Every structure is written in structure tokens, then in C-alpha cells.
PDB file of all heavy atoms in Angstrom:
ATOM      1  N   ARG A   1      -7.043 -20.558 -16.469  1.00  0.00           N
ATOM      2  CA  ARG A   1      -7.907 -19.406 -16.193  1.00  0.00           C
ATOM      3  C   ARG A   1      -9.336 -19.824 -15.842  1.00  0.00           C
ATOM      4  O   ARG A   1     -10.061 -19.096 -15.168  1.00  0.00           O
ATOM      5  CB  ARG A   1      -7.919 -18.455 -17.394  1.00  0.00           C
ATOM      6  CG  ARG A   1      -6.611 -17.696 -17.578  1.00  0.00           C
ATOM      7  CD  ARG A   1      -6.757 -16.565 -18.574  1.00  0.00           C
ATOM      8  NE  ARG A   1      -7.015 -17.015 -19.926  1.00  0.00           N
ATOM      9  CZ  ARG A   1      -6.081 -17.340 -20.814  1.00  0.00           C
ATOM     10  NH1 ARG A   1      -4.784 -17.268 -20.476  1.00  0.00           N
ATOM     11  NH2 ARG A   1      -6.408 -17.717 -22.030  1.00  0.00           N
ATOM     12  N   LYS A   2      -9.724 -21.013 -16.288  1.00  0.00           N
ATOM     13  CA  LYS A   2     -11.036 -21.552 -15.946  1.00  0.00           C
ATOM     14  C   LYS A   2     -11.036 -22.214 -14.562  1.00  0.00           C
ATOM     15  O   LYS A   2     -12.067 -22.747 -14.123  1.00  0.00           O
ATOM     16  CB  LYS A   2     -11.483 -22.576 -17.002  1.00  0.00           C
ATOM     17  CG  LYS A   2     -11.841 -21.965 -18.352  1.00  0.00           C
ATOM     18  CD  LYS A   2     -12.220 -23.041 -19.342  1.00  0.00           C
ATOM     19  CE  LYS A   2     -12.717 -22.451 -20.656  1.00  0.00           C
ATOM     20  NZ  LYS A   2     -14.044 -21.811 -20.508  1.00  0.00           N
ATOM     21  N   GLY A   3      -9.883 -22.203 -13.898  1.00  0.00           N
ATOM     22  CA  GLY A   3      -9.790 -22.799 -12.570  1.00  0.00           C
ATOM     23  C   GLY A   3      -9.684 -24.311 -12.568  1.00  0.00           C
ATOM     24  O   GLY A   3      -9.964 -24.959 -11.549  1.00  0.00           O
ATOM     25  N   LEU A   4      -9.241 -24.899 -13.696  1.00  0.00           N
ATOM     26  CA  LEU A   4      -9.213 -26.347 -13.826  1.00  0.00           C
ATOM     27  C   LEU A   4      -7.882 -26.979 -13.432  1.00  0.00           C
ATOM     28  O   LEU A   4      -7.773 -28.208 -13.379  1.00  0.00           O
ATOM     29  CB  LEU A   4      -9.548 -26.740 -15.274  1.00  0.00           C
ATOM     30  CG  LEU A   4     -10.931 -26.296 -15.764  1.00  0.00           C
ATOM     31  CD1 LEU A   4     -11.090 -26.613 -17.242  1.00  0.00           C
ATOM     32  CD2 LEU A   4     -12.031 -26.954 -14.946  1.00  0.00           C
ATOM     33  N   LEU A   5      -6.871 -26.151 -13.171  1.00  0.00           N
ATOM     34  CA  LEU A   5      -5.540 -26.652 -12.841  1.00  0.00           C
ATOM     35  C   LEU A   5      -5.114 -26.163 -11.467  1.00  0.00           C
ATOM     36  O   LEU A   5      -5.610 -25.157 -10.970  1.00  0.00           O
ATOM     37  CB  LEU A   5      -4.529 -26.201 -13.904  1.00  0.00           C
ATOM     38  CG  LEU A   5      -4.830 -26.620 -15.344  1.00  0.00           C
ATOM     39  CD1 LEU A   5      -3.810 -25.997 -16.301  1.00  0.00           C
ATOM     40  CD2 LEU A   5      -4.834 -28.144 -15.491  1.00  0.00           C
ATOM     41  N   VAL A   6      -4.190 -26.885 -10.867  1.00  0.00           N
ATOM     42  CA  VAL A   6      -3.666 -26.537  -9.549  1.00  0.00           C
ATOM     43  C   VAL A   6      -2.194 -26.162  -9.695  1.00  0.00           C
ATOM     44  O   VAL A   6      -1.426 -26.835 -10.392  1.00  0.00           O
ATOM     45  CB  VAL A   6      -3.814 -27.715  -8.565  1.00  0.00           C
ATOM     46  CG1 VAL A   6      -3.175 -27.388  -7.220  1.00  0.00           C
ATOM     47  CG2 VAL A   6      -5.285 -28.072  -8.384  1.00  0.00           C
ATOM     48  N   HIS A   7      -1.792 -25.086  -9.043  1.00  0.00           N
ATOM     49  CA  HIS A   7      -0.401 -24.625  -9.118  1.00  0.00           C
ATOM     50  C   HIS A   7       0.460 -25.341  -8.084  1.00  0.00           C
ATOM     51  O   HIS A   7      -0.043 -25.734  -7.037  1.00  0.00           O
ATOM     52  CB  HIS A   7      -0.369 -23.105  -8.907  1.00  0.00           C
ATOM     53  CG  HIS A   7      -0.875 -22.352 -10.102  1.00  0.00           C
ATOM     54  ND1 HIS A   7      -0.146 -21.381 -10.734  1.00  0.00           N
ATOM     55  CD2 HIS A   7      -2.026 -22.448 -10.805  1.00  0.00           C
ATOM     56  CE1 HIS A   7      -0.826 -20.893 -11.755  1.00  0.00           C
ATOM     57  NE2 HIS A   7      -1.997 -21.525 -11.810  1.00  0.00           N
ATOM     58  N   PRO A   8       1.773 -25.491  -8.357  1.00  0.00           N
ATOM     59  CA  PRO A   8       2.469 -25.016  -9.553  1.00  0.00           C
ATOM     60  C   PRO A   8       2.141 -25.886 -10.770  1.00  0.00           C
ATOM     61  O   PRO A   8       2.014 -27.103 -10.651  1.00  0.00           O
ATOM     62  CB  PRO A   8       3.950 -25.158  -9.170  1.00  0.00           C
ATOM     63  CG  PRO A   8       3.976 -26.294  -8.196  1.00  0.00           C
ATOM     64  CD  PRO A   8       2.705 -26.161  -7.403  1.00  0.00           C
ATOM     65  N   LEU A   9       1.997 -25.247 -11.921  1.00  0.00           N
ATOM     66  CA  LEU A   9       1.790 -25.982 -13.163  1.00  0.00           C
ATOM     67  C   LEU A   9       3.066 -26.728 -13.530  1.00  0.00           C
ATOM     68  O   LEU A   9       4.175 -26.261 -13.263  1.00  0.00           O
ATOM     69  CB  LEU A   9       1.414 -25.019 -14.290  1.00  0.00           C
ATOM     70  CG  LEU A   9       0.198 -24.122 -14.070  1.00  0.00           C
ATOM     71  CD1 LEU A   9      -0.038 -23.251 -15.304  1.00  0.00           C
ATOM     72  CD2 LEU A   9      -1.039 -24.932 -13.721  1.00  0.00           C
ATOM     73  N   HIS A  10       2.882 -27.885 -14.156  1.00  0.00           N
ATOM     74  CA  HIS A  10       4.043 -28.638 -14.640  1.00  0.00           C
ATOM     75  C   HIS A  10       3.822 -29.003 -16.113  1.00  0.00           C
ATOM     76  O   HIS A  10       2.794 -29.589 -16.464  1.00  0.00           O
ATOM     77  CB  HIS A  10       4.284 -29.913 -13.836  1.00  0.00           C
ATOM     78  CG  HIS A  10       5.423 -30.721 -14.365  1.00  0.00           C
ATOM     79  ND1 HIS A  10       6.735 -30.295 -14.278  1.00  0.00           N
ATOM     80  CD2 HIS A  10       5.461 -31.900 -15.039  1.00  0.00           C
ATOM     81  CE1 HIS A  10       7.528 -31.186 -14.856  1.00  0.00           C
ATOM     82  NE2 HIS A  10       6.774 -32.162 -15.328  1.00  0.00           N
ATOM     83  N   PHE A  11       4.780 -28.634 -16.950  1.00  0.00           N
ATOM     84  CA  PHE A  11       4.701 -28.853 -18.398  1.00  0.00           C
ATOM     85  C   PHE A  11       5.720 -29.897 -18.845  1.00  0.00           C
ATOM     86  O   PHE A  11       6.782 -30.044 -18.240  1.00  0.00           O
ATOM     87  CB  PHE A  11       4.998 -27.548 -19.145  1.00  0.00           C
ATOM     88  CG  PHE A  11       3.977 -26.466 -18.955  1.00  0.00           C
ATOM     89  CD1 PHE A  11       4.028 -25.630 -17.838  1.00  0.00           C
ATOM     90  CD2 PHE A  11       2.973 -26.266 -19.882  1.00  0.00           C
ATOM     91  CE1 PHE A  11       3.088 -24.627 -17.657  1.00  0.00           C
ATOM     92  CE2 PHE A  11       2.032 -25.265 -19.710  1.00  0.00           C
ATOM     93  CZ  PHE A  11       2.081 -24.443 -18.601  1.00  0.00           C
ATOM     94  N   ASP A  12       5.389 -30.582 -19.939  1.00  0.00           N
ATOM     95  CA  ASP A  12       6.357 -31.435 -20.639  1.00  0.00           C
ATOM     96  C   ASP A  12       6.427 -30.960 -22.078  1.00  0.00           C
ATOM     97  O   ASP A  12       5.428 -31.021 -22.803  1.00  0.00           O
ATOM     98  CB  ASP A  12       5.924 -32.905 -20.587  1.00  0.00           C
ATOM     99  CG  ASP A  12       6.899 -33.811 -21.334  1.00  0.00           C
ATOM    100  OD1 ASP A  12       8.109 -33.512 -21.333  1.00  0.00           O
ATOM    101  OD2 ASP A  12       6.447 -34.820 -21.906  1.00  0.00           O
ATOM    102  N   PHE A  13       7.591 -30.456 -22.492  1.00  0.00           N
ATOM    103  CA  PHE A  13       7.797 -30.001 -23.862  1.00  0.00           C
ATOM    104  C   PHE A  13       8.262 -31.188 -24.702  1.00  0.00           C
ATOM    105  O   PHE A  13       9.365 -31.710 -24.488  1.00  0.00           O
ATOM    106  CB  PHE A  13       8.858 -28.903 -23.929  1.00  0.00           C
ATOM    107  CG  PHE A  13       8.641 -27.740 -23.004  1.00  0.00           C
ATOM    108  CD1 PHE A  13       9.725 -27.103 -22.411  1.00  0.00           C
ATOM    109  CD2 PHE A  13       7.372 -27.268 -22.716  1.00  0.00           C
ATOM    110  CE1 PHE A  13       9.547 -26.030 -21.558  1.00  0.00           C
ATOM    111  CE2 PHE A  13       7.174 -26.193 -21.866  1.00  0.00           C
ATOM    112  CZ  PHE A  13       8.268 -25.568 -21.280  1.00  0.00           C
ATOM    113  N   VAL A  14       7.425 -31.619 -25.645  1.00  0.00           N
ATOM    114  CA  VAL A  14       7.788 -32.716 -26.541  1.00  0.00           C
ATOM    115  C   VAL A  14       8.203 -32.099 -27.863  1.00  0.00           C
ATOM    116  O   VAL A  14       7.360 -31.634 -28.644  1.00  0.00           O
ATOM    117  CB  VAL A  14       6.616 -33.699 -26.729  1.00  0.00           C
ATOM    118  CG1 VAL A  14       7.062 -34.880 -27.583  1.00  0.00           C
ATOM    119  CG2 VAL A  14       6.092 -34.187 -25.375  1.00  0.00           C
ATOM    120  N   LEU A  15       9.497 -32.067 -28.105  1.00  0.00           N
ATOM    121  CA  LEU A  15      10.042 -31.371 -29.272  1.00  0.00           C
ATOM    122  C   LEU A  15      10.496 -32.373 -30.329  1.00  0.00           C
ATOM    123  O   LEU A  15      11.091 -33.405 -30.014  1.00  0.00           O
ATOM    124  CB  LEU A  15      11.214 -30.485 -28.853  1.00  0.00           C
ATOM    125  CG  LEU A  15      10.884 -29.424 -27.794  1.00  0.00           C
ATOM    126  CD1 LEU A  15      12.134 -28.632 -27.431  1.00  0.00           C
ATOM    127  CD2 LEU A  15       9.788 -28.493 -28.279  1.00  0.00           C
ATOM    128  N   GLY A  16      10.190 -32.057 -31.588  1.00  0.00           N
ATOM    129  CA  GLY A  16      10.610 -32.924 -32.671  1.00  0.00           C
ATOM    130  C   GLY A  16       9.471 -33.690 -33.312  1.00  0.00           C
ATOM    131  O   GLY A  16       9.697 -34.536 -34.179  1.00  0.00           O
ATOM    132  N   VAL A  17       8.228 -33.407 -32.899  1.00  0.00           N
ATOM    133  CA  VAL A  17       7.052 -34.024 -33.530  1.00  0.00           C
ATOM    134  C   VAL A  17       6.365 -32.977 -34.387  1.00  0.00           C
ATOM    135  O   VAL A  17       6.396 -33.028 -35.618  1.00  0.00           O
ATOM    136  CB  VAL A  17       6.070 -34.596 -32.481  1.00  0.00           C
ATOM    137  CG1 VAL A  17       4.830 -35.176 -33.179  1.00  0.00           C
ATOM    138  CG2 VAL A  17       6.747 -35.670 -31.652  1.00  0.00           C
ATOM    139  N   GLN A  18       5.750 -32.001 -33.749  1.00  0.00           N
ATOM    140  CA  GLN A  18       5.047 -30.939 -34.466  1.00  0.00           C
ATOM    141  C   GLN A  18       5.880 -29.658 -34.524  1.00  0.00           C
ATOM    142  O   GLN A  18       5.693 -28.830 -35.401  1.00  0.00           O
ATOM    143  CB  GLN A  18       3.704 -30.678 -33.788  1.00  0.00           C
ATOM    144  CG  GLN A  18       2.802 -29.701 -34.525  1.00  0.00           C
ATOM    145  CD  GLN A  18       1.334 -29.926 -34.238  1.00  0.00           C
ATOM    146  OE1 GLN A  18       0.758 -30.900 -34.694  1.00  0.00           O
ATOM    147  NE2 GLN A  18       0.727 -29.042 -33.475  1.00  0.00           N
ATOM    148  N   MET A  19       6.784 -29.515 -33.578  1.00  0.00           N
ATOM    149  CA  MET A  19       7.676 -28.353 -33.500  1.00  0.00           C
ATOM    150  C   MET A  19       9.099 -28.868 -33.566  1.00  0.00           C
ATOM    151  O   MET A  19       9.401 -29.955 -33.060  1.00  0.00           O
ATOM    152  CB  MET A  19       7.428 -27.627 -32.179  1.00  0.00           C
ATOM    153  CG  MET A  19       8.216 -26.359 -31.971  1.00  0.00           C
ATOM    154  SD  MET A  19       7.673 -25.579 -30.415  1.00  0.00           S
ATOM    155  CE  MET A  19       8.681 -24.103 -30.433  1.00  0.00           C
ATOM    156  N   SER A  20       9.989 -28.144 -34.208  1.00  0.00           N
ATOM    157  CA  SER A  20      11.365 -28.620 -34.322  1.00  0.00           C
ATOM    158  C   SER A  20      12.029 -28.690 -32.957  1.00  0.00           C
ATOM    159  O   SER A  20      11.593 -28.054 -31.998  1.00  0.00           O
ATOM    160  CB  SER A  20      12.168 -27.730 -35.266  1.00  0.00           C
ATOM    161  OG  SER A  20      12.171 -26.391 -34.821  1.00  0.00           O
ATOM    162  N   ALA A  21      13.077 -29.483 -32.868  1.00  0.00           N
ATOM    163  CA  ALA A  21      13.761 -29.737 -31.598  1.00  0.00           C
ATOM    164  C   ALA A  21      15.148 -29.115 -31.626  1.00  0.00           C
ATOM    165  O   ALA A  21      16.151 -29.793 -31.828  1.00  0.00           O
ATOM    166  CB  ALA A  21      13.839 -31.231 -31.325  1.00  0.00           C
ATOM    167  N   THR A  22      15.189 -27.801 -31.409  1.00  0.00           N
ATOM    168  CA  THR A  22      16.463 -27.093 -31.342  1.00  0.00           C
ATOM    169  C   THR A  22      16.541 -26.377 -29.998  1.00  0.00           C
ATOM    170  O   THR A  22      15.526 -26.186 -29.312  1.00  0.00           O
ATOM    171  CB  THR A  22      16.597 -26.053 -32.461  1.00  0.00           C
ATOM    172  OG1 THR A  22      15.629 -24.998 -32.229  1.00  0.00           O
ATOM    173  CG2 THR A  22      16.346 -26.673 -33.839  1.00  0.00           C
ATOM    174  N   LEU A  23      17.728 -25.942 -29.625  1.00  0.00           N
ATOM    175  CA  LEU A  23      17.879 -25.196 -28.377  1.00  0.00           C
ATOM    176  C   LEU A  23      17.121 -23.883 -28.432  1.00  0.00           C
ATOM    177  O   LEU A  23      16.586 -23.419 -27.420  1.00  0.00           O
ATOM    178  CB  LEU A  23      19.354 -24.975 -28.077  1.00  0.00           C
ATOM    179  CG  LEU A  23      20.151 -26.257 -27.775  1.00  0.00           C
ATOM    180  CD1 LEU A  23      21.611 -25.919 -27.511  1.00  0.00           C
ATOM    181  CD2 LEU A  23      19.565 -27.018 -26.588  1.00  0.00           C
ATOM    182  N   ARG A  24      17.033 -23.273 -29.625  1.00  0.00           N
ATOM    183  CA  ARG A  24      16.229 -22.053 -29.789  1.00  0.00           C
ATOM    184  C   ARG A  24      14.791 -22.317 -29.388  1.00  0.00           C
ATOM    185  O   ARG A  24      14.172 -21.529 -28.655  1.00  0.00           O
ATOM    186  CB  ARG A  24      16.289 -21.594 -31.241  1.00  0.00           C
ATOM    187  CG  ARG A  24      15.398 -20.385 -31.564  1.00  0.00           C
ATOM    188  CD  ARG A  24      15.042 -20.357 -33.034  1.00  0.00           C
ATOM    189  NE  ARG A  24      14.242 -21.514 -33.421  1.00  0.00           N
ATOM    190  CZ  ARG A  24      13.888 -21.801 -34.661  1.00  0.00           C
ATOM    191  NH1 ARG A  24      14.267 -21.022 -35.654  1.00  0.00           N
ATOM    192  NH2 ARG A  24      13.168 -22.877 -34.925  1.00  0.00           N
ATOM    193  N   ASP A  25      14.225 -23.431 -29.857  1.00  0.00           N
ATOM    194  CA  ASP A  25      12.840 -23.777 -29.552  1.00  0.00           C
ATOM    195  C   ASP A  25      12.667 -24.077 -28.069  1.00  0.00           C
ATOM    196  O   ASP A  25      11.658 -23.706 -27.459  1.00  0.00           O
ATOM    197  CB  ASP A  25      12.400 -24.975 -30.392  1.00  0.00           C
ATOM    198  CG  ASP A  25      12.439 -24.673 -31.879  1.00  0.00           C
ATOM    199  OD1 ASP A  25      11.870 -23.658 -32.293  1.00  0.00           O
ATOM    200  OD2 ASP A  25      13.063 -25.454 -32.618  1.00  0.00           O
ATOM    201  N   LEU A  26      13.646 -24.759 -27.485  1.00  0.00           N
ATOM    202  CA  LEU A  26      13.585 -25.084 -26.068  1.00  0.00           C
ATOM    203  C   LEU A  26      13.547 -23.814 -25.219  1.00  0.00           C
ATOM    204  O   LEU A  26      12.728 -23.691 -24.294  1.00  0.00           O
ATOM    205  CB  LEU A  26      14.784 -25.949 -25.676  1.00  0.00           C
ATOM    206  CG  LEU A  26      14.862 -26.368 -24.211  1.00  0.00           C
ATOM    207  CD1 LEU A  26      13.696 -27.270 -23.833  1.00  0.00           C
ATOM    208  CD2 LEU A  26      16.194 -27.087 -23.943  1.00  0.00           C
ATOM    209  N   VAL A  27      14.413 -22.867 -25.536  1.00  0.00           N
ATOM    210  CA  VAL A  27      14.445 -21.596 -24.796  1.00  0.00           C
ATOM    211  C   VAL A  27      13.114 -20.860 -24.951  1.00  0.00           C
ATOM    212  O   VAL A  27      12.572 -20.301 -23.987  1.00  0.00           O
ATOM    213  CB  VAL A  27      15.627 -20.733 -25.267  1.00  0.00           C
ATOM    214  CG1 VAL A  27      15.539 -19.320 -24.701  1.00  0.00           C
ATOM    215  CG2 VAL A  27      16.952 -21.372 -24.876  1.00  0.00           C
ATOM    216  N   PHE A  28      12.565 -20.850 -26.157  1.00  0.00           N
ATOM    217  CA  PHE A  28      11.295 -20.185 -26.412  1.00  0.00           C
ATOM    218  C   PHE A  28      10.174 -20.802 -25.590  1.00  0.00           C
ATOM    219  O   PHE A  28       9.363 -20.095 -24.963  1.00  0.00           O
ATOM    220  CB  PHE A  28      10.977 -20.257 -27.912  1.00  0.00           C
ATOM    221  CG  PHE A  28       9.645 -19.676 -28.293  1.00  0.00           C
ATOM    222  CD1 PHE A  28       9.352 -18.345 -28.050  1.00  0.00           C
ATOM    223  CD2 PHE A  28       8.692 -20.458 -28.922  1.00  0.00           C
ATOM    224  CE1 PHE A  28       8.126 -17.802 -28.415  1.00  0.00           C
ATOM    225  CE2 PHE A  28       7.462 -19.935 -29.284  1.00  0.00           C
ATOM    226  CZ  PHE A  28       7.184 -18.602 -29.029  1.00  0.00           C
ATOM    227  N   MET A  29      10.112 -22.126 -25.565  1.00  0.00           N
ATOM    228  CA  MET A  29       9.054 -22.806 -24.806  1.00  0.00           C
ATOM    229  C   MET A  29       9.206 -22.541 -23.310  1.00  0.00           C
ATOM    230  O   MET A  29       8.228 -22.221 -22.629  1.00  0.00           O
ATOM    231  CB  MET A  29       9.092 -24.303 -25.101  1.00  0.00           C
ATOM    232  CG  MET A  29       8.759 -24.656 -26.543  1.00  0.00           C
ATOM    233  SD  MET A  29       7.024 -24.432 -26.976  1.00  0.00           S
ATOM    234  CE  MET A  29       6.361 -26.001 -26.416  1.00  0.00           C
ATOM    235  N   ALA A  30      10.420 -22.660 -22.796  1.00  0.00           N
ATOM    236  CA  ALA A  30      10.648 -22.450 -21.365  1.00  0.00           C
ATOM    237  C   ALA A  30      10.316 -21.023 -20.949  1.00  0.00           C
ATOM    238  O   ALA A  30       9.876 -20.786 -19.814  1.00  0.00           O
ATOM    239  CB  ALA A  30      12.086 -22.794 -21.007  1.00  0.00           C
ATOM    240  N   GLY A  31      10.503 -20.076 -21.870  1.00  0.00           N
ATOM    241  CA  GLY A  31      10.191 -18.686 -21.574  1.00  0.00           C
ATOM    242  C   GLY A  31       8.728 -18.333 -21.734  1.00  0.00           C
ATOM    243  O   GLY A  31       8.336 -17.187 -21.480  1.00  0.00           O
ATOM    244  N   SER A  32       7.911 -19.297 -22.146  1.00  0.00           N
ATOM    245  CA  SER A  32       6.499 -19.031 -22.431  1.00  0.00           C
ATOM    246  C   SER A  32       5.553 -19.519 -21.349  1.00  0.00           C
ATOM    247  O   SER A  32       4.334 -19.384 -21.496  1.00  0.00           O
ATOM    248  CB  SER A  32       6.114 -19.696 -23.766  1.00  0.00           C
ATOM    249  OG  SER A  32       6.895 -19.191 -24.832  1.00  0.00           O
ATOM    250  N   ILE A  33       6.084 -20.100 -20.275  1.00  0.00           N
ATOM    251  CA  ILE A  33       5.226 -20.626 -19.215  1.00  0.00           C
ATOM    252  C   ILE A  33       5.253 -19.696 -18.004  1.00  0.00           C
ATOM    253  O   ILE A  33       6.177 -18.896 -17.851  1.00  0.00           O
ATOM    254  CB  ILE A  33       5.623 -22.063 -18.820  1.00  0.00           C
ATOM    255  CG1 ILE A  33       7.046 -22.104 -18.269  1.00  0.00           C
ATOM    256  CG2 ILE A  33       5.477 -22.982 -20.024  1.00  0.00           C
ATOM    257  CD1 ILE A  33       7.472 -23.492 -17.792  1.00  0.00           C
ATOM    258  N   PRO A  34       4.250 -19.761 -17.145  1.00  0.00           N
ATOM    259  CA  PRO A  34       4.167 -18.825 -16.019  1.00  0.00           C
ATOM    260  C   PRO A  34       5.327 -18.996 -15.028  1.00  0.00           C
ATOM    261  O   PRO A  34       5.807 -20.113 -14.828  1.00  0.00           O
ATOM    262  CB  PRO A  34       2.833 -19.187 -15.357  1.00  0.00           C
ATOM    263  CG  PRO A  34       2.050 -19.895 -16.394  1.00  0.00           C
ATOM    264  CD  PRO A  34       3.053 -20.624 -17.229  1.00  0.00           C
ATOM    265  N   PRO A  35       5.755 -17.904 -14.396  1.00  0.00           N
ATOM    266  CA  PRO A  35       6.773 -17.992 -13.349  1.00  0.00           C
ATOM    267  C   PRO A  35       6.329 -18.964 -12.252  1.00  0.00           C
ATOM    268  O   PRO A  35       5.146 -19.030 -11.913  1.00  0.00           O
ATOM    269  CB  PRO A  35       6.846 -16.559 -12.810  1.00  0.00           C
ATOM    270  CG  PRO A  35       6.353 -15.701 -13.925  1.00  0.00           C
ATOM    271  CD  PRO A  35       5.307 -16.515 -14.625  1.00  0.00           C
ATOM    272  N   GLY A  36       7.284 -19.726 -11.758  1.00  0.00           N
ATOM    273  CA  GLY A  36       6.966 -20.693 -10.713  1.00  0.00           C
ATOM    274  C   GLY A  36       6.570 -22.056 -11.222  1.00  0.00           C
ATOM    275  O   GLY A  36       6.456 -23.011 -10.442  1.00  0.00           O
ATOM    276  N   SER A  37       6.339 -22.186 -12.535  1.00  0.00           N
ATOM    277  CA  SER A  37       6.014 -23.484 -13.113  1.00  0.00           C
ATOM    278  C   SER A  37       7.270 -24.343 -13.217  1.00  0.00           C
ATOM    279  O   SER A  37       8.386 -23.832 -13.292  1.00  0.00           O
ATOM    280  CB  SER A  37       5.414 -23.320 -14.519  1.00  0.00           C
ATOM    281  OG  SER A  37       4.266 -22.516 -14.502  1.00  0.00           O
ATOM    282  N   THR A  38       7.081 -25.646 -13.229  1.00  0.00           N
ATOM    283  CA  THR A  38       8.182 -26.566 -13.502  1.00  0.00           C
ATOM    284  C   THR A  38       7.993 -27.152 -14.896  1.00  0.00           C
ATOM    285  O   THR A  38       6.895 -27.126 -15.446  1.00  0.00           O
ATOM    286  CB  THR A  38       8.241 -27.689 -12.454  1.00  0.00           C
ATOM    287  OG1 THR A  38       6.975 -28.367 -12.418  1.00  0.00           O
ATOM    288  CG2 THR A  38       8.573 -27.134 -11.078  1.00  0.00           C
ATOM    289  N   TRP A  39       9.080 -27.672 -15.453  1.00  0.00           N
ATOM    290  CA  TRP A  39       8.968 -28.236 -16.799  1.00  0.00           C
ATOM    291  C   TRP A  39       9.980 -29.353 -17.033  1.00  0.00           C
ATOM    292  O   TRP A  39      11.064 -29.367 -16.456  1.00  0.00           O
ATOM    293  CB  TRP A  39       9.119 -27.164 -17.871  1.00  0.00           C
ATOM    294  CG  TRP A  39      10.399 -26.362 -17.831  1.00  0.00           C
ATOM    295  CD1 TRP A  39      10.667 -25.272 -17.041  1.00  0.00           C
ATOM    296  CD2 TRP A  39      11.579 -26.572 -18.621  1.00  0.00           C
ATOM    297  NE1 TRP A  39      11.933 -24.798 -17.291  1.00  0.00           N
ATOM    298  CE2 TRP A  39      12.516 -25.559 -18.256  1.00  0.00           C
ATOM    299  CE3 TRP A  39      11.935 -27.503 -19.594  1.00  0.00           C
ATOM    300  CZ2 TRP A  39      13.793 -25.470 -18.831  1.00  0.00           C
ATOM    301  CZ3 TRP A  39      13.198 -27.411 -20.177  1.00  0.00           C
ATOM    302  CH2 TRP A  39      14.102 -26.414 -19.797  1.00  0.00           C
ATOM    303  N   THR A  40       9.541 -30.260 -17.874  1.00  0.00           N
ATOM    304  CA  THR A  40      10.355 -31.368 -18.363  1.00  0.00           C
ATOM    305  C   THR A  40      10.440 -31.210 -19.876  1.00  0.00           C
ATOM    306  O   THR A  40       9.544 -30.626 -20.485  1.00  0.00           O
ATOM    307  CB  THR A  40       9.696 -32.712 -17.997  1.00  0.00           C
ATOM    308  OG1 THR A  40       9.714 -32.872 -16.576  1.00  0.00           O
ATOM    309  CG2 THR A  40      10.401 -33.892 -18.642  1.00  0.00           C
ATOM    310  N   ALA A  41      11.497 -31.707 -20.488  1.00  0.00           N
ATOM    311  CA  ALA A  41      11.587 -31.663 -21.947  1.00  0.00           C
ATOM    312  C   ALA A  41      12.121 -32.979 -22.482  1.00  0.00           C
ATOM    313  O   ALA A  41      12.908 -33.666 -21.815  1.00  0.00           O
ATOM    314  CB  ALA A  41      12.477 -30.511 -22.408  1.00  0.00           C
ATOM    315  N   THR A  42      11.684 -33.300 -23.675  1.00  0.00           N
ATOM    316  CA  THR A  42      12.223 -34.455 -24.387  1.00  0.00           C
ATOM    317  C   THR A  42      12.394 -34.093 -25.851  1.00  0.00           C
ATOM    318  O   THR A  42      11.575 -33.395 -26.440  1.00  0.00           O
ATOM    319  CB  THR A  42      11.302 -35.685 -24.253  1.00  0.00           C
ATOM    320  OG1 THR A  42      11.928 -36.814 -24.863  1.00  0.00           O
ATOM    321  CG2 THR A  42       9.956 -35.461 -24.900  1.00  0.00           C
ATOM    322  N   GLY A  43      13.486 -34.559 -26.427  1.00  0.00           N
ATOM    323  CA  GLY A  43      13.716 -34.420 -27.860  1.00  0.00           C
ATOM    324  C   GLY A  43      13.520 -35.774 -28.508  1.00  0.00           C
ATOM    325  O   GLY A  43      14.053 -36.788 -28.034  1.00  0.00           O
ATOM    326  N   ILE A  44      12.739 -35.821 -29.573  1.00  0.00           N
ATOM    327  CA  ILE A  44      12.442 -37.091 -30.226  1.00  0.00           C
ATOM    328  C   ILE A  44      13.609 -37.508 -31.133  1.00  0.00           C
ATOM    329  O   ILE A  44      14.179 -36.691 -31.866  1.00  0.00           O
ATOM    330  CB  ILE A  44      11.146 -36.985 -31.043  1.00  0.00           C
ATOM    331  CG1 ILE A  44       9.975 -36.563 -30.144  1.00  0.00           C
ATOM    332  CG2 ILE A  44      10.830 -38.300 -31.747  1.00  0.00           C
ATOM    333  CD1 ILE A  44       9.689 -37.499 -29.001  1.00  0.00           C
ATOM    334  N   GLY A  45      13.950 -38.801 -31.065  1.00  0.00           N
ATOM    335  CA  GLY A  45      14.979 -39.340 -31.948  1.00  0.00           C
ATOM    336  C   GLY A  45      16.341 -38.719 -31.730  1.00  0.00           C
ATOM    337  O   GLY A  45      16.824 -38.613 -30.597  1.00  0.00           O
TER     338      GLY A  45
END
């Protein structure tokens, strides 16, 4: 919103460090980013 990023945004969800790494959490994270964004995910351990 401050104009510091360029679209499309790209996220990496790192699950299993501060947030648990379940499919429920993955779906929640993927549903929380703007339409048109891309995303990568990793589960720790």
C-alpha cells in the first residue's frame, strides 16, 4: 500500500517454524493473499 512492491506479488509460506505446518494452515495462507499473486510453500522437517 506504500507503493514499495511491484505486482504480481510473490509469497513464500514457510510453515513449521512459527506457524504449524498442516494442510489447513496452507489453505488459510493461500487464501489470504491478493488475487493474481503467486506463491511458493515449504514445510519444515
